[in-house]
Amino acid sequence: MKTNIRKWGNSAGTIIPVPMLDAAGIALGDKVNIEAKTGTLIMTLVDEPMTLGDLLADSPKKSFRILEEDQDWIDAKPSGREI
């Protein structure tokens, strides 16, 4: 596929069609590494493990509310050898 490199702010960019991303196994929002070799740009998917913060960032805020029954459990004094 041929495309043009265009000015994009203080950088340069090009359009990558979704079918080409699909064929490469890359999706919108994925992190990629770009390497330059003479006459070639190589883009590879960065395989980073997700952190707990990453996983929770897209969770609905209402899922973090503490229910009354949970608060009772949180406030309860130890009744055995838990500690």
C-alpha atoms as a PDB file:
ATOM      1  CA  MET A   1       0.000   0.000   0.000  1.00  0.00           C
ATOM      2  CA  LYS A   2       1.258   3.484  -0.820  1.00  0.00           C
ATOM      3  CA  THR A   3       0.554   6.499   1.350  1.00  0.00           C
ATOM      4  CA  ASN A   4       1.998   9.958   1.930  1.00  0.00           C
ATOM      5  CA  ILE A   5       3.862  11.279   4.943  1.00  0.00           C
ATOM      6  CA  ARG A   6       2.184  14.499   6.074  1.00  0.00           C
ATOM      7  CA  LYS A   7       2.912  17.247   8.563  1.00  0.00           C
ATOM      8  CA  TRP A   8       1.182  16.572  11.873  1.00  0.00           C
ATOM      9  CA  GLY A   9       1.830  19.467  14.254  1.00  0.00           C
ATOM     10  CA  ASN A  10       5.599  19.530  14.803  1.00  0.00           C
ATOM     11  CA  SER A  11       5.845  15.904  13.694  1.00  0.00           C
ATOM     12  CA  ALA A  12       4.983  13.826  10.650  1.00  0.00           C
ATOM     13  CA  GLY A  13       2.411  11.062  10.238  1.00  0.00           C
ATOM     14  CA  THR A  14       0.490   8.903   7.855  1.00  0.00           C
ATOM     15  CA  ILE A  15      -2.867   7.141   7.766  1.00  0.00           C
ATOM     16  CA  ILE A  16      -2.841   3.384   8.454  1.00  0.00           C
ATOM     17  CA  PRO A  17      -6.005   1.640   7.218  1.00  0.00           C
ATOM     18  CA  VAL A  18      -7.797  -0.540   9.804  1.00  0.00           C
ATOM     19  CA  PRO A  19      -7.464  -3.707   7.645  1.00  0.00           C
ATOM     20  CA  MET A  20      -3.681  -3.228   7.698  1.00  0.00           C
ATOM     21  CA  LEU A  21      -3.728  -2.801  11.498  1.00  0.00           C
ATOM     22  CA  ASP A  22      -5.905  -5.922  11.776  1.00  0.00           C
ATOM     23  CA  ALA A  23      -3.481  -7.907   9.620  1.00  0.00           C
ATOM     24  CA  ALA A  24      -0.606  -6.815  11.892  1.00  0.00           C
ATOM     25  CA  GLY A  25      -2.548  -7.591  15.082  1.00  0.00           C
ATOM     26  CA  ILE A  26      -2.415  -3.949  16.158  1.00  0.00           C
ATOM     27  CA  ALA A  27      -5.480  -2.068  17.420  1.00  0.00           C
ATOM     28  CA  LEU A  28      -6.302   1.576  18.084  1.00  0.00           C
ATOM     29  CA  GLY A  29      -4.769   2.603  21.407  1.00  0.00           C
ATOM     30  CA  ASP A  30      -2.031  -0.056  21.339  1.00  0.00           C
ATOM     31  CA  LYS A  31       1.503   1.053  22.142  1.00  0.00           C
ATOM     32  CA  VAL A  32       4.035   0.503  19.383  1.00  0.00           C
ATOM     33  CA  ASN A  33       7.776   0.862  19.020  1.00  0.00           C
ATOM     34  CA  ILE A  34       9.086   2.520  15.842  1.00  0.00           C
ATOM     35  CA  GLU A  35      12.583   1.841  14.520  1.00  0.00           C
ATOM     36  CA  ALA A  36      14.225   3.555  11.577  1.00  0.00           C
ATOM     37  CA  LYS A  37      16.558   1.823   9.150  1.00  0.00           C
ATOM     38  CA  THR A  38      17.695   3.281   5.854  1.00  0.00           C
ATOM     39  CA  GLY A  39      14.575   3.727   3.734  1.00  0.00           C
ATOM     40  CA  THR A  40      12.402   1.747   6.184  1.00  0.00           C
ATOM     41  CA  LEU A  41      10.298   2.351   9.285  1.00  0.00           C
ATOM     42  CA  ILE A  42       9.491  -0.724  11.367  1.00  0.00           C
ATOM     43  CA  MET A  43       6.538  -0.587  13.758  1.00  0.00           C
ATOM     44  CA  THR A  44       6.178  -3.369  16.337  1.00  0.00           C
ATOM     45  CA  LEU A  45       3.598  -3.909  19.043  1.00  0.00           C
ATOM     46  CA  VAL A  46       4.873  -3.256  22.566  1.00  0.00           C
ATOM     47  CA  ASP A  47       3.821  -6.133  24.805  1.00  0.00           C
ATOM     48  CA  GLU A  48       3.537  -4.544  28.245  1.00  0.00           C
ATOM     49  CA  PRO A  49       1.806  -6.309  31.120  1.00  0.00           C
ATOM     50  CA  MET A  50      -1.200  -4.421  32.427  1.00  0.00           C
ATOM     51  CA  THR A  51      -1.012  -3.037  35.956  1.00  0.00           C
ATOM     52  CA  LEU A  52      -3.880  -3.028  38.419  1.00  0.00           C
ATOM     53  CA  GLY A  53      -4.190   0.715  37.774  1.00  0.00           C
ATOM     54  CA  ASP A  54      -4.527   0.069  34.019  1.00  0.00           C
ATOM     55  CA  LEU A  55      -7.260  -2.497  34.627  1.00  0.00           C
ATOM     56  CA  LEU A  56      -9.175  -0.279  37.060  1.00  0.00           C
ATOM     57  CA  ALA A  57      -8.859   2.906  34.985  1.00  0.00           C
ATOM     58  CA  ASP A  58     -11.684   1.857  32.641  1.00  0.00           C
ATOM     59  CA  SER A  59     -13.944   0.510  35.399  1.00  0.00           C
ATOM     60  CA  PRO A  60     -17.150   2.420  36.109  1.00  0.00           C
ATOM     61  CA  LYS A  61     -16.737   4.619  39.199  1.00  0.00           C
ATOM     62  CA  LYS A  62     -19.964   3.262  40.734  1.00  0.00           C
ATOM     63  CA  SER A  63     -18.301  -0.154  40.989  1.00  0.00           C
ATOM     64  CA  PHE A  64     -15.967   1.284  43.662  1.00  0.00           C
ATOM     65  CA  ARG A  65     -18.679   2.212  46.140  1.00  0.00           C
ATOM     66  CA  ILE A  66     -18.685   0.305  49.418  1.00  0.00           C
ATOM     67  CA  LEU A  67     -21.968  -1.403  50.242  1.00  0.00           C
ATOM     68  CA  GLU A  68     -23.267  -1.312  53.814  1.00  0.00           C
ATOM     69  CA  GLU A  69     -22.673  -5.053  54.266  1.00  0.00           C
ATOM     70  CA  ASP A  70     -19.081  -4.614  53.065  1.00  0.00           C
ATOM     71  CA  GLN A  71     -18.519  -1.695  55.468  1.00  0.00           C
ATOM     72  CA  ASP A  72     -19.789  -3.865  58.349  1.00  0.00           C
ATOM     73  CA  TRP A  73     -17.197  -6.502  57.416  1.00  0.00           C
ATOM     74  CA  ILE A  74     -14.450  -3.864  57.094  1.00  0.00           C
ATOM     75  CA  ASP A  75     -15.281  -2.368  60.519  1.00  0.00           C
ATOM     76  CA  ALA A  76     -15.659  -5.733  62.317  1.00  0.00           C
ATOM     77  CA  LYS A  77     -13.114  -6.578  64.998  1.00  0.00           C
ATOM     78  CA  PRO A  78     -11.072  -9.759  64.586  1.00  0.00           C
ATOM     79  CA  SER A  79     -12.870 -12.763  66.067  1.00  0.00           C
ATOM     80  CA  GLY A  80     -10.076 -15.308  65.918  1.00  0.00           C
ATOM     81  CA  ARG A  81      -6.466 -15.544  64.881  1.00  0.00           C
ATOM     82  CA  GLU A  82      -6.766 -13.581  61.589  1.00  0.00           C
ATOM     83  CA  ILE A  83      -3.894 -11.236  62.402  1.00  0.00           C
END
